[in-house]
N, C-alpha and C. Protein backbone atom coordinates (compact mmCIF):
# COMPACT_ATOMS: atom_id res chain seq x y z
N MET A 1 0.85 -1.19 0.00
CA MET A 1 0.00 0.00 0.00
C MET A 1 0.89 1.24 0.00
N ASP A 2 0.65 2.11 -0.93
CA ASP A 2 1.40 3.36 -1.02
C ASP A 2 0.64 4.43 -0.25
N ILE A 3 1.15 4.77 0.92
CA ILE A 3 0.48 5.75 1.79
C ILE A 3 0.32 7.10 1.10
N GLY A 4 1.22 7.44 0.20
CA GLY A 4 1.16 8.73 -0.49
C GLY A 4 0.01 8.86 -1.46
N THR A 5 -0.60 7.74 -1.85
CA THR A 5 -1.65 7.83 -2.86
C THR A 5 -3.05 7.52 -2.33
N ILE A 6 -3.16 7.13 -1.07
CA ILE A 6 -4.51 6.83 -0.57
C ILE A 6 -5.10 8.04 0.14
N THR A 7 -6.40 8.06 0.24
CA THR A 7 -7.10 9.21 0.82
C THR A 7 -7.01 9.18 2.35
N PRO A 8 -7.23 10.31 2.99
CA PRO A 8 -7.27 10.33 4.45
C PRO A 8 -8.29 9.33 5.02
N GLU A 9 -9.42 9.19 4.36
CA GLU A 9 -10.44 8.24 4.82
C GLU A 9 -9.91 6.81 4.78
N GLU A 10 -9.18 6.48 3.72
CA GLU A 10 -8.61 5.13 3.61
C GLU A 10 -7.54 4.88 4.68
N ILE A 11 -6.75 5.91 4.96
CA ILE A 11 -5.74 5.79 6.03
C ILE A 11 -6.44 5.56 7.36
N ARG A 12 -7.50 6.33 7.62
CA ARG A 12 -8.24 6.17 8.88
C ARG A 12 -8.82 4.77 8.98
N ARG A 13 -9.42 4.30 7.91
CA ARG A 13 -10.04 2.97 7.89
C ARG A 13 -9.00 1.88 8.15
N GLU A 14 -7.86 1.98 7.48
CA GLU A 14 -6.79 0.99 7.66
C GLU A 14 -6.21 1.05 9.08
N GLY A 15 -6.10 2.27 9.60
CA GLY A 15 -5.60 2.43 10.97
C GLY A 15 -6.52 1.80 11.99
N LEU A 16 -7.82 2.03 11.83
CA LEU A 16 -8.80 1.43 12.74
C LEU A 16 -8.79 -0.10 12.63
N LYS A 17 -8.65 -0.57 11.41
CA LYS A 17 -8.58 -2.02 11.18
C LYS A 17 -7.36 -2.61 11.89
N ALA A 18 -6.22 -1.95 11.77
CA ALA A 18 -5.00 -2.43 12.42
C ALA A 18 -5.15 -2.42 13.94
N LEU A 19 -5.72 -1.35 14.48
CA LEU A 19 -5.93 -1.28 15.92
C LEU A 19 -6.85 -2.40 16.39
N ALA A 20 -7.94 -2.60 15.69
CA ALA A 20 -8.90 -3.64 16.07
C ALA A 20 -8.27 -5.03 16.00
N GLU A 21 -7.45 -5.27 14.98
CA GLU A 21 -6.80 -6.57 14.85
C GLU A 21 -5.79 -6.81 15.97
N ARG A 22 -5.08 -5.78 16.34
CA ARG A 22 -4.01 -5.92 17.34
C ARG A 22 -4.55 -5.86 18.77
N LEU A 23 -5.49 -4.95 19.04
CA LEU A 23 -5.98 -4.72 20.40
C LEU A 23 -7.35 -5.32 20.68
N GLY A 24 -8.05 -5.72 19.65
CA GLY A 24 -9.44 -6.12 19.80
C GLY A 24 -10.31 -4.87 19.79
N VAL A 25 -11.61 -5.07 19.63
CA VAL A 25 -12.51 -3.92 19.51
C VAL A 25 -12.50 -3.09 20.79
N VAL A 26 -12.58 -3.73 21.95
CA VAL A 26 -12.60 -2.99 23.22
C VAL A 26 -11.30 -2.23 23.42
N GLY A 27 -10.19 -2.87 23.14
CA GLY A 27 -8.89 -2.19 23.26
C GLY A 27 -8.77 -1.02 22.31
N MET A 28 -9.28 -1.19 21.10
CA MET A 28 -9.25 -0.10 20.12
C MET A 28 -10.05 1.09 20.65
N ILE A 29 -11.24 0.82 21.18
CA ILE A 29 -12.08 1.90 21.70
C ILE A 29 -11.39 2.59 22.87
N ARG A 30 -10.82 1.81 23.77
CA ARG A 30 -10.13 2.41 24.92
C ARG A 30 -8.96 3.28 24.47
N PHE A 31 -8.24 2.81 23.46
CA PHE A 31 -7.13 3.59 22.91
C PHE A 31 -7.63 4.91 22.33
N LEU A 32 -8.68 4.85 21.54
CA LEU A 32 -9.21 6.05 20.89
C LEU A 32 -9.78 7.04 21.89
N GLN A 33 -10.33 6.55 22.99
CA GLN A 33 -10.89 7.45 24.01
C GLN A 33 -9.81 8.33 24.64
N GLN A 34 -8.59 7.88 24.61
CA GLN A 34 -7.50 8.68 25.17
C GLN A 34 -7.24 9.95 24.38
N PHE A 35 -7.71 10.00 23.15
CA PHE A 35 -7.42 11.12 22.27
C PHE A 35 -8.65 11.94 21.93
N GLU A 36 -9.69 11.80 22.74
CA GLU A 36 -10.90 12.59 22.50
C GLU A 36 -10.55 14.06 22.64
N ARG A 37 -10.99 14.84 21.69
CA ARG A 37 -10.66 16.26 21.69
C ARG A 37 -11.34 17.02 22.81
N GLY A 38 -12.55 16.65 23.13
CA GLY A 38 -13.27 17.38 24.15
C GLY A 38 -13.66 18.75 23.64
N GLU A 39 -14.19 19.55 24.52
CA GLU A 39 -14.58 20.89 24.13
C GLU A 39 -14.56 21.78 25.35
N GLY A 40 -14.70 23.03 25.13
CA GLY A 40 -14.72 23.97 26.24
C GLY A 40 -13.38 24.66 26.44
N ASP A 41 -13.31 25.43 27.49
CA ASP A 41 -12.12 26.19 27.83
C ASP A 41 -11.70 25.77 29.23
N TYR A 42 -10.68 24.93 29.32
CA TYR A 42 -10.26 24.38 30.62
C TYR A 42 -9.92 25.48 31.62
N THR A 43 -9.20 26.49 31.17
CA THR A 43 -8.78 27.55 32.08
C THR A 43 -9.99 28.28 32.66
N ARG A 44 -10.96 28.63 31.81
CA ARG A 44 -12.16 29.30 32.29
C ARG A 44 -12.96 28.40 33.21
N ASP A 45 -13.11 27.14 32.81
CA ASP A 45 -13.89 26.20 33.62
C ASP A 45 -13.23 25.93 34.96
N ARG A 46 -11.91 25.84 34.98
CA ARG A 46 -11.18 25.62 36.23
C ARG A 46 -11.44 26.78 37.19
N GLU A 47 -11.34 27.98 36.67
CA GLU A 47 -11.59 29.17 37.49
C GLU A 47 -13.02 29.15 38.03
N LYS A 48 -13.95 28.75 37.20
CA LYS A 48 -15.36 28.71 37.60
C LYS A 48 -15.58 27.72 38.74
N PHE A 49 -14.96 26.55 38.65
CA PHE A 49 -15.20 25.49 39.63
C PHE A 49 -14.28 25.56 40.84
N LEU A 50 -13.05 26.01 40.64
CA LEU A 50 -12.09 25.98 41.74
C LEU A 50 -11.77 27.36 42.30
N GLY A 51 -12.03 28.40 41.56
CA GLY A 51 -11.70 29.74 42.03
C GLY A 51 -10.20 29.95 42.07
N ASN A 52 -9.76 30.79 42.96
CA ASN A 52 -8.33 31.10 43.08
C ASN A 52 -7.68 30.36 44.23
N LYS A 53 -8.19 29.19 44.56
CA LYS A 53 -7.65 28.43 45.68
C LYS A 53 -6.27 27.89 45.36
N SER A 54 -5.45 27.82 46.39
CA SER A 54 -4.12 27.25 46.23
C SER A 54 -4.22 25.73 46.24
N VAL A 55 -3.15 25.10 45.86
CA VAL A 55 -3.11 23.63 45.89
C VAL A 55 -3.33 23.15 47.32
N GLU A 56 -2.72 23.83 48.27
CA GLU A 56 -2.87 23.43 49.67
C GLU A 56 -4.33 23.50 50.12
N GLU A 57 -5.04 24.55 49.70
CA GLU A 57 -6.46 24.67 50.06
C GLU A 57 -7.28 23.55 49.44
N LEU A 58 -6.98 23.22 48.21
CA LEU A 58 -7.71 22.15 47.54
C LEU A 58 -7.44 20.80 48.22
N VAL A 59 -6.19 20.56 48.61
CA VAL A 59 -5.85 19.32 49.31
C VAL A 59 -6.62 19.22 50.62
N GLU A 60 -6.71 20.31 51.36
CA GLU A 60 -7.45 20.31 52.61
C GLU A 60 -8.93 20.04 52.39
N GLU A 61 -9.50 20.59 51.35
CA GLU A 61 -10.91 20.32 51.03
C GLU A 61 -11.13 18.85 50.70
N ILE A 62 -10.22 18.28 49.94
CA ILE A 62 -10.32 16.86 49.59
C ILE A 62 -10.24 16.00 50.85
N LYS A 63 -9.29 16.30 51.72
CA LYS A 63 -9.14 15.55 52.96
C LYS A 63 -10.40 15.65 53.81
N ALA A 64 -10.97 16.85 53.90
CA ALA A 64 -12.18 17.05 54.69
C ALA A 64 -13.35 16.25 54.12
N ARG A 65 -13.49 16.22 52.82
CA ARG A 65 -14.56 15.45 52.19
C ARG A 65 -14.38 13.96 52.43
N ARG A 66 -13.14 13.50 52.36
CA ARG A 66 -12.88 12.07 52.61
C ARG A 66 -13.20 11.70 54.05
N THR A 67 -12.88 12.58 54.96
CA THR A 67 -13.16 12.34 56.38
C THR A 67 -14.65 12.29 56.64
N ASN A 68 -15.41 13.15 55.98
CA ASN A 68 -16.86 13.20 56.17
C ASN A 68 -17.58 12.00 55.56
N ARG A 69 -16.97 11.33 54.58
CA ARG A 69 -17.59 10.17 53.97
C ARG A 69 -17.55 8.96 54.88
N CYS A 70 -16.57 8.88 55.73
CA CYS A 70 -16.37 7.69 56.57
C CYS A 70 -17.33 7.61 57.71
């Protein structure tokens, strides 16, 4: 197969076929999920959910929540 002459769709199809053959369908899906583009603005969303808290403040909040669950 000459990679230089096939279409992007054919490359994608052959790539998926190779992944499925090597990893199985579930493995292929798990592999592809690692590269999901996602959407949104991480920086804006982080500010919205976490505010300007320091790492130390966030760690203390996590510890407090874990303590309250027990």
